[in-house]
N, C-alpha and C. Protein backbone atom coordinates (compact mmCIF):
# COMPACT_ATOMS: atom_id res chain seq x y z
N MET A 1 0.84 -1.19 -0.01
CA MET A 1 -0.01 -0.01 -0.03
C MET A 1 0.90 1.25 -0.01
N PRO A 2 0.65 2.21 -0.95
CA PRO A 2 1.51 3.40 -0.96
C PRO A 2 1.35 4.29 0.22
N ASP A 3 2.41 4.97 0.60
CA ASP A 3 2.41 5.86 1.71
C ASP A 3 1.84 7.18 1.28
N ASN A 4 0.76 7.64 1.87
CA ASN A 4 0.12 8.87 1.40
C ASN A 4 0.97 10.11 1.57
N ARG A 5 1.94 10.05 2.50
CA ARG A 5 2.82 11.19 2.70
C ARG A 5 3.71 11.41 1.46
N ASP A 6 4.05 10.33 0.79
CA ASP A 6 4.88 10.41 -0.42
C ASP A 6 4.05 11.11 -1.54
N ILE A 7 2.80 10.74 -1.62
CA ILE A 7 1.94 11.33 -2.66
C ILE A 7 1.77 12.84 -2.35
N GLY A 8 1.46 13.15 -1.18
CA GLY A 8 1.26 14.57 -0.77
C GLY A 8 2.52 15.39 -0.99
N THR A 9 3.64 14.85 -0.65
CA THR A 9 4.89 15.56 -0.84
C THR A 9 5.17 15.76 -2.34
N SER A 10 4.93 14.70 -3.12
CA SER A 10 5.09 14.79 -4.59
C SER A 10 4.24 15.91 -5.18
N VAL A 11 2.97 15.94 -4.76
CA VAL A 11 2.01 16.99 -5.27
C VAL A 11 2.49 18.37 -4.75
N ALA A 12 2.86 18.44 -3.47
CA ALA A 12 3.26 19.74 -2.90
C ALA A 12 4.51 20.22 -3.66
N ASP A 13 5.51 19.32 -3.80
CA ASP A 13 6.74 19.71 -4.45
C ASP A 13 6.49 20.16 -5.90
N THR A 14 5.61 19.48 -6.61
CA THR A 14 5.28 19.86 -7.99
C THR A 14 4.60 21.16 -8.00
N SER A 15 3.66 21.36 -7.12
CA SER A 15 2.87 22.60 -7.02
C SER A 15 3.85 23.81 -6.73
N LEU A 16 4.74 23.61 -5.79
CA LEU A 16 5.71 24.67 -5.41
C LEU A 16 6.62 24.99 -6.55
N SER A 17 7.07 23.98 -7.29
CA SER A 17 7.95 24.19 -8.50
C SER A 17 7.19 24.96 -9.54
N MET A 18 5.98 24.52 -9.73
CA MET A 18 5.14 25.24 -10.76
C MET A 18 4.89 26.71 -10.42
N VAL A 19 4.56 26.96 -9.14
CA VAL A 19 4.29 28.35 -8.68
C VAL A 19 5.56 29.15 -8.74
N THR A 20 6.72 28.61 -8.36
CA THR A 20 7.97 29.30 -8.45
C THR A 20 8.35 29.69 -9.88
N ALA A 21 8.25 28.72 -10.83
CA ALA A 21 8.53 28.95 -12.18
C ALA A 21 7.60 30.03 -12.83
N LEU A 22 6.32 29.91 -12.47
CA LEU A 22 5.38 30.82 -12.98
C LEU A 22 5.65 32.28 -12.40
N SER A 23 5.96 32.35 -11.15
CA SER A 23 6.28 33.67 -10.56
C SER A 23 7.51 34.28 -11.19
N ALA A 24 8.46 33.50 -11.44
CA ALA A 24 9.69 34.04 -12.12
C ALA A 24 9.34 34.54 -13.52
N GLU A 25 8.56 33.77 -14.24
CA GLU A 25 8.09 34.14 -15.60
C GLU A 25 7.29 35.43 -15.57
N VAL A 26 6.37 35.43 -14.67
CA VAL A 26 5.46 36.69 -14.58
C VAL A 26 6.24 37.96 -14.35
N ILE A 27 7.17 37.92 -13.39
CA ILE A 27 7.93 39.15 -13.02
C ILE A 27 8.77 39.58 -14.23
N VAL A 28 9.38 38.62 -14.91
CA VAL A 28 10.18 38.99 -16.13
C VAL A 28 9.26 39.58 -17.19
N LEU A 29 8.12 39.00 -17.44
CA LEU A 29 7.24 39.51 -18.42
C LEU A 29 6.69 40.90 -18.05
N ARG A 30 6.40 41.09 -16.82
CA ARG A 30 5.89 42.42 -16.40
C ARG A 30 6.92 43.50 -16.52
N GLU A 31 8.20 43.15 -16.17
CA GLU A 31 9.31 44.11 -16.30
C GLU A 31 9.49 44.48 -17.81
N ARG A 32 9.56 43.44 -18.65
CA ARG A 32 9.72 43.70 -20.10
C ARG A 32 8.52 44.44 -20.70
N LEU A 33 7.31 44.10 -20.28
CA LEU A 33 6.17 44.89 -20.75
C LEU A 33 6.19 46.28 -20.39
N GLU A 34 6.53 46.58 -19.17
CA GLU A 34 6.73 47.95 -18.69
C GLU A 34 7.68 48.76 -19.53
N ILE A 35 8.82 48.12 -19.89
CA ILE A 35 9.83 48.72 -20.73
C ILE A 35 9.28 49.02 -22.10
N VAL A 36 8.65 48.04 -22.70
CA VAL A 36 8.10 48.16 -24.09
C VAL A 36 7.02 49.29 -24.04
N GLU A 37 6.16 49.28 -23.12
CA GLU A 37 5.15 50.33 -23.07
C GLU A 37 5.71 51.72 -23.00
N ARG A 38 6.72 51.88 -22.19
CA ARG A 38 7.40 53.19 -22.01
C ARG A 38 8.12 53.57 -23.27
N LEU A 39 8.78 52.60 -23.97
CA LEU A 39 9.49 52.91 -25.19
C LEU A 39 8.56 53.34 -26.30
N VAL A 40 7.52 52.60 -26.54
CA VAL A 40 6.60 52.87 -27.61
C VAL A 40 5.91 54.25 -27.38
N GLU A 41 5.58 54.54 -26.10
CA GLU A 41 4.89 55.80 -25.77
C GLU A 41 5.92 56.92 -26.02
N ALA A 42 7.18 56.74 -25.55
CA ALA A 42 8.19 57.79 -25.74
C ALA A 42 8.46 58.09 -27.20
N GLN A 43 8.33 57.06 -28.05
CA GLN A 43 8.54 57.17 -29.54
C GLN A 43 7.32 57.68 -30.17
N GLY A 44 6.16 57.88 -29.39
CA GLY A 44 4.96 58.34 -30.02
C GLY A 44 4.21 57.33 -30.92
N LEU A 45 4.56 56.10 -30.80
CA LEU A 45 3.94 55.08 -31.57
C LEU A 45 2.51 54.84 -31.09
N PHE A 46 2.24 54.62 -29.87
CA PHE A 46 0.94 54.54 -29.25
C PHE A 46 1.08 54.58 -27.76
N GLY A 47 -0.05 54.87 -27.08
CA GLY A 47 -0.03 55.04 -25.67
C GLY A 47 -0.81 53.90 -24.95
N GLN A 48 -0.88 54.05 -23.61
CA GLN A 48 -1.65 53.10 -22.78
C GLN A 48 -3.07 52.90 -23.19
N SER A 49 -3.68 53.99 -23.58
CA SER A 49 -5.17 53.88 -23.93
C SER A 49 -5.33 53.00 -25.19
N GLU A 50 -4.42 53.05 -26.11
CA GLU A 50 -4.51 52.21 -27.32
C GLU A 50 -4.37 50.70 -26.96
N ILE A 51 -3.45 50.42 -26.00
CA ILE A 51 -3.33 49.10 -25.51
C ILE A 51 -4.59 48.62 -24.86
N ASP A 52 -5.08 49.46 -23.90
CA ASP A 52 -6.27 49.04 -23.14
C ASP A 52 -7.49 48.93 -24.04
N ASP A 53 -7.57 49.66 -25.08
CA ASP A 53 -8.78 49.68 -25.99
C ASP A 53 -8.66 48.77 -27.14
N PHE A 54 -7.54 48.04 -27.29
CA PHE A 54 -7.34 47.16 -28.45
C PHE A 54 -8.38 46.04 -28.47
N LYS A 55 -8.97 45.84 -29.64
CA LYS A 55 -9.87 44.75 -29.85
C LYS A 55 -9.35 43.93 -31.06
N PRO A 56 -8.89 42.67 -30.70
CA PRO A 56 -8.30 41.87 -31.78
C PRO A 56 -9.39 41.43 -32.79
N ASP A 57 -8.97 41.25 -34.02
CA ASP A 57 -9.87 40.68 -35.03
C ASP A 57 -9.90 39.17 -34.80
N GLU A 58 -10.68 38.51 -35.65
CA GLU A 58 -10.88 37.07 -35.42
C GLU A 58 -9.55 36.29 -35.52
N THR A 59 -8.72 36.65 -36.46
CA THR A 59 -7.43 35.97 -36.68
C THR A 59 -6.57 36.05 -35.45
N ILE A 60 -6.41 37.32 -35.00
CA ILE A 60 -5.55 37.58 -33.81
C ILE A 60 -6.17 36.97 -32.58
N ALA A 61 -7.50 37.03 -32.41
CA ALA A 61 -8.17 36.41 -31.31
C ALA A 61 -7.91 34.93 -31.26
N ALA A 62 -7.98 34.28 -32.42
CA ALA A 62 -7.67 32.81 -32.54
C ALA A 62 -6.26 32.46 -32.13
N ILE A 63 -5.28 33.34 -32.58
CA ILE A 63 -3.92 33.10 -32.25
C ILE A 63 -3.70 33.23 -30.69
N ILE A 64 -4.32 34.26 -30.15
CA ILE A 64 -4.18 34.50 -28.66
C ILE A 64 -4.82 33.30 -27.94
N LYS A 65 -5.94 32.86 -28.32
CA LYS A 65 -6.61 31.70 -27.71
C LYS A 65 -5.82 30.46 -27.81
N GLN A 66 -5.18 30.19 -28.95
CA GLN A 66 -4.29 28.94 -29.14
C GLN A 66 -3.10 29.06 -28.23
N LYS A 67 -2.54 30.24 -28.11
CA LYS A 67 -1.35 30.40 -27.28
C LYS A 67 -1.72 30.22 -25.76
N ARG A 68 -2.88 30.73 -25.41
CA ARG A 68 -3.37 30.66 -24.07
C ARG A 68 -3.61 29.18 -23.68
N LEU A 69 -4.22 28.38 -24.58
CA LEU A 69 -4.49 26.95 -24.33
C LEU A 69 -3.23 26.18 -24.25
N ALA A 70 -2.26 26.50 -25.06
CA ALA A 70 -0.96 25.85 -25.11
C ALA A 70 -0.23 26.10 -23.74
N PHE A 71 -0.32 27.32 -23.29
CA PHE A 71 0.32 27.77 -22.01
C PHE A 71 -0.34 26.98 -20.86
N ILE A 72 -1.66 26.89 -20.84
CA ILE A 72 -2.36 26.21 -19.80
C ILE A 72 -1.99 24.75 -19.85
N ALA A 73 -1.91 24.19 -20.97
CA ALA A 73 -1.53 22.74 -21.06
C ALA A 73 -0.08 22.47 -20.56
N ARG A 74 0.83 23.39 -20.85
CA ARG A 74 2.19 23.29 -20.35
C ARG A 74 2.25 23.37 -18.80
N VAL A 75 1.52 24.39 -18.26
CA VAL A 75 1.64 24.63 -16.84
C VAL A 75 0.94 23.53 -16.05
N PHE A 76 -0.27 23.25 -16.47
CA PHE A 76 -1.03 22.22 -15.71
C PHE A 76 -0.68 20.80 -16.11
N GLY A 77 0.03 20.62 -17.17
CA GLY A 77 0.50 19.32 -17.53
C GLY A 77 1.52 18.78 -16.46
N ALA A 78 2.17 19.68 -15.78
CA ALA A 78 3.08 19.30 -14.69
C ALA A 78 2.32 18.70 -13.48
N MET A 79 1.02 18.95 -13.39
CA MET A 79 0.28 18.44 -12.27
C MET A 79 -0.19 17.06 -12.48
N ARG A 80 -0.09 16.51 -13.69
CA ARG A 80 -0.48 15.15 -13.98
C ARG A 80 0.33 14.17 -13.16
N VAL A 81 -0.32 13.30 -12.39
CA VAL A 81 0.43 12.38 -11.55
C VAL A 81 0.21 10.95 -12.04
């Protein structure tokens, strides 16, 4: 009979690894996005309101959705036991 502590530790370790990796990724992305937004605004290309008001067309929306689903599969694929 398997020891439940091993299963719990495995799930906890996997969860902690996932959260740590995602946290590192999020902070890097936020920092880079901040830089990009400041650069494009300084260059007069577009401002925060254009980003906030952007409405993707069907093609771009499909690309965004596909990338979102692939990301979710990668992240939560680690949780498969």
